[in-house]
């Protein structure tokens, strides 16, 4: 089995009094957050920042303290089983217009309830719920 570690960000921006979350449309059809594989000698935060810039063009991110959510899952890649661990951080941006990479089909900014409906995987919904709970307490 192949072991992989990735890092990503639950990215949000404020519009009026509401938090809008960024979801990316992946070629396999699902909607999820920015994330990608860690490179050698990179910290999880460095990976998350690099992937955010590569996938969206966004560079103005401000991490929210006390948010680090790990998920794990298995999938098949070219006939091999891959065990993937992903850490998600929570960060705010002021950027509305993004430059989507060729890795994705599209993007959307959505309020929490709409994002919960659109997000494909249960583990991502759990991460989004935890992000919303922290934001409702701290901001």
Protein backbone atom coordinates (compact mmCIF):
# COMPACT_ATOMS: atom_id res chain seq x y z
CA UNK A 1 0.00 0.00 0.00
CA UNK A 2 1.19 3.51 -0.85
CA UNK A 3 1.14 6.09 1.97
CA UNK A 4 0.46 9.71 1.02
CA UNK A 5 0.13 12.89 3.04
CA UNK A 6 -1.57 16.00 1.75
CA UNK A 7 -2.47 19.38 3.20
CA UNK A 8 -5.21 21.82 2.33
CA UNK A 9 -7.20 24.80 3.43
CA UNK A 10 -10.85 25.44 4.14
CA UNK A 11 -10.73 28.91 2.63
CA UNK A 12 -13.36 31.52 3.41
CA UNK A 13 -13.99 35.19 2.79
CA UNK A 14 -16.40 37.60 4.36
CA UNK A 15 -19.19 39.13 2.32
CA UNK A 16 -21.22 41.54 4.42
CA UNK A 17 -21.76 39.56 7.63
CA UNK A 18 -21.59 36.12 6.03
CA UNK A 19 -18.69 33.72 5.60
CA UNK A 20 -18.44 32.24 2.11
CA UNK A 21 -16.43 29.04 1.64
CA UNK A 22 -14.44 28.11 -1.46
CA UNK A 23 -15.18 24.78 -3.11
CA UNK A 24 -13.31 23.46 -6.14
CA UNK A 25 -14.84 21.19 -8.78
CA UNK A 26 -12.52 18.25 -9.37
CA UNK A 27 -12.39 16.38 -12.73
CA UNK A 28 -13.75 13.20 -11.10
CA UNK A 29 -16.93 15.19 -10.42
CA UNK A 30 -16.69 15.90 -6.71
CA UNK A 31 -16.59 19.26 -4.90
CA UNK A 32 -13.95 19.71 -2.22
CA UNK A 33 -11.44 22.12 -0.69
CA UNK A 34 -8.00 23.13 -1.92
CA UNK A 35 -5.49 20.37 -1.16
CA UNK A 36 -2.42 18.65 -2.50
CA UNK A 37 0.49 16.35 -1.80
CA UNK A 38 3.29 17.40 0.47
CA UNK A 39 6.67 17.76 -1.18
CA UNK A 40 9.94 16.69 0.39
CA UNK A 41 11.08 18.96 3.26
CA UNK A 42 7.79 20.89 3.27
CA UNK A 43 5.73 21.54 6.40
CA UNK A 44 1.98 20.99 6.28
CA UNK A 45 1.41 24.78 6.39
CA UNK A 46 3.89 25.32 3.53
CA UNK A 47 2.09 22.68 1.45
CA UNK A 48 -1.30 24.26 2.13
CA UNK A 49 -0.03 27.72 1.14
CA UNK A 50 1.67 26.42 -2.03
CA UNK A 51 -1.35 24.39 -3.11
CA UNK A 52 -3.69 27.34 -2.53
CA UNK A 53 -1.56 29.54 -4.75
CA UNK A 54 -1.15 26.85 -7.44
CA UNK A 55 -4.83 25.90 -7.56
CA UNK A 56 -6.44 29.33 -7.11
CA UNK A 57 -3.82 32.07 -7.47
CA UNK A 58 -4.72 33.25 -3.96
CA UNK A 59 -1.75 34.46 -1.92
CA UNK A 60 -3.44 36.60 0.77
CA UNK A 61 -4.36 33.99 3.34
CA UNK A 62 -4.58 34.44 7.07
CA UNK A 63 -4.72 31.24 9.10
CA UNK A 64 -7.29 30.95 11.88
CA UNK A 65 -5.68 29.70 15.08
CA UNK A 66 -6.66 26.39 16.69
CA UNK A 67 -7.93 24.66 13.56
CA UNK A 68 -6.21 21.51 12.33
CA UNK A 69 -8.44 18.69 11.13
CA UNK A 70 -7.05 15.38 9.87
CA UNK A 71 -8.95 12.96 7.66
CA UNK A 72 -7.87 9.59 6.25
CA UNK A 73 -9.17 7.50 3.40
CA UNK A 74 -8.13 4.81 0.91
CA UNK A 75 -8.46 4.86 -2.85
CA UNK A 76 -7.21 2.95 -5.88
CA UNK A 77 -4.65 4.55 -8.17
CA UNK A 78 -3.41 2.61 -11.19
CA UNK A 79 -4.32 -0.66 -9.52
CA UNK A 80 -2.60 0.13 -6.22
CA UNK A 81 -4.25 0.89 -2.91
CA UNK A 82 -3.34 4.33 -1.55
CA UNK A 83 -3.79 5.31 2.09
CA UNK A 84 -4.09 9.09 2.20
CA UNK A 85 -3.92 11.38 5.23
CA UNK A 86 -4.96 14.99 4.73
CA UNK A 87 -4.71 17.86 7.18
CA UNK A 88 -6.94 20.87 6.68
CA UNK A 89 -6.34 24.31 8.07
CA UNK A 90 -8.82 27.18 8.14
CA UNK A 91 -7.85 30.48 6.55
CA UNK A 92 -9.41 33.74 5.47
CA UNK A 93 -8.78 35.60 2.23
CA UNK A 94 -9.97 38.93 0.86
CA UNK A 95 -9.62 37.67 -2.73
CA UNK A 96 -12.88 37.05 -4.58
CA UNK A 97 -11.68 36.41 -8.14
CA UNK A 98 -9.52 33.35 -8.45
CA UNK A 99 -7.42 31.89 -11.25
CA UNK A 100 -8.40 28.24 -11.33
CA UNK A 101 -5.66 25.78 -12.30
CA UNK A 102 -5.99 23.11 -14.99
CA UNK A 103 -6.45 20.61 -12.14
CA UNK A 104 -10.05 21.75 -11.65
CA UNK A 105 -13.21 22.28 -13.71
CA UNK A 106 -14.52 25.24 -11.72
CA UNK A 107 -15.04 26.86 -8.34
CA UNK A 108 -17.71 28.49 -6.25
CA UNK A 109 -17.99 30.61 -3.10
CA UNK A 110 -20.91 29.45 -0.95
CA UNK A 111 -22.43 30.07 2.45
CA UNK A 112 -22.15 27.24 4.96
CA UNK A 113 -25.54 25.60 4.33
CA UNK A 114 -25.17 25.63 0.54
CA UNK A 115 -21.57 24.43 0.79
CA UNK A 116 -22.72 21.53 2.98
CA UNK A 117 -25.16 20.46 0.26
CA UNK A 118 -22.56 20.81 -2.52
CA UNK A 119 -19.60 19.17 -0.74
CA UNK A 120 -19.39 15.59 -1.94
CA UNK A 121 -17.69 13.57 0.79
CA UNK A 122 -18.83 13.08 4.38
CA UNK A 123 -15.32 13.64 5.79
CA UNK A 124 -15.20 17.04 4.02
CA UNK A 125 -18.64 17.89 5.42
CA UNK A 126 -17.30 17.11 8.91
CA UNK A 127 -14.29 19.40 8.35
CA UNK A 128 -16.60 22.17 7.05
CA UNK A 129 -18.89 21.81 10.08
CA UNK A 130 -15.93 22.10 12.46
CA UNK A 131 -14.71 25.19 10.58
CA UNK A 132 -18.15 26.79 10.83
CA UNK A 133 -18.37 26.00 14.55
CA UNK A 134 -15.00 27.63 15.23
CA UNK A 135 -15.86 30.69 13.12
CA UNK A 136 -19.21 31.16 14.84
CA UNK A 137 -17.39 31.18 18.21
CA UNK A 138 -14.43 33.37 17.34
CA UNK A 139 -15.51 35.93 14.74
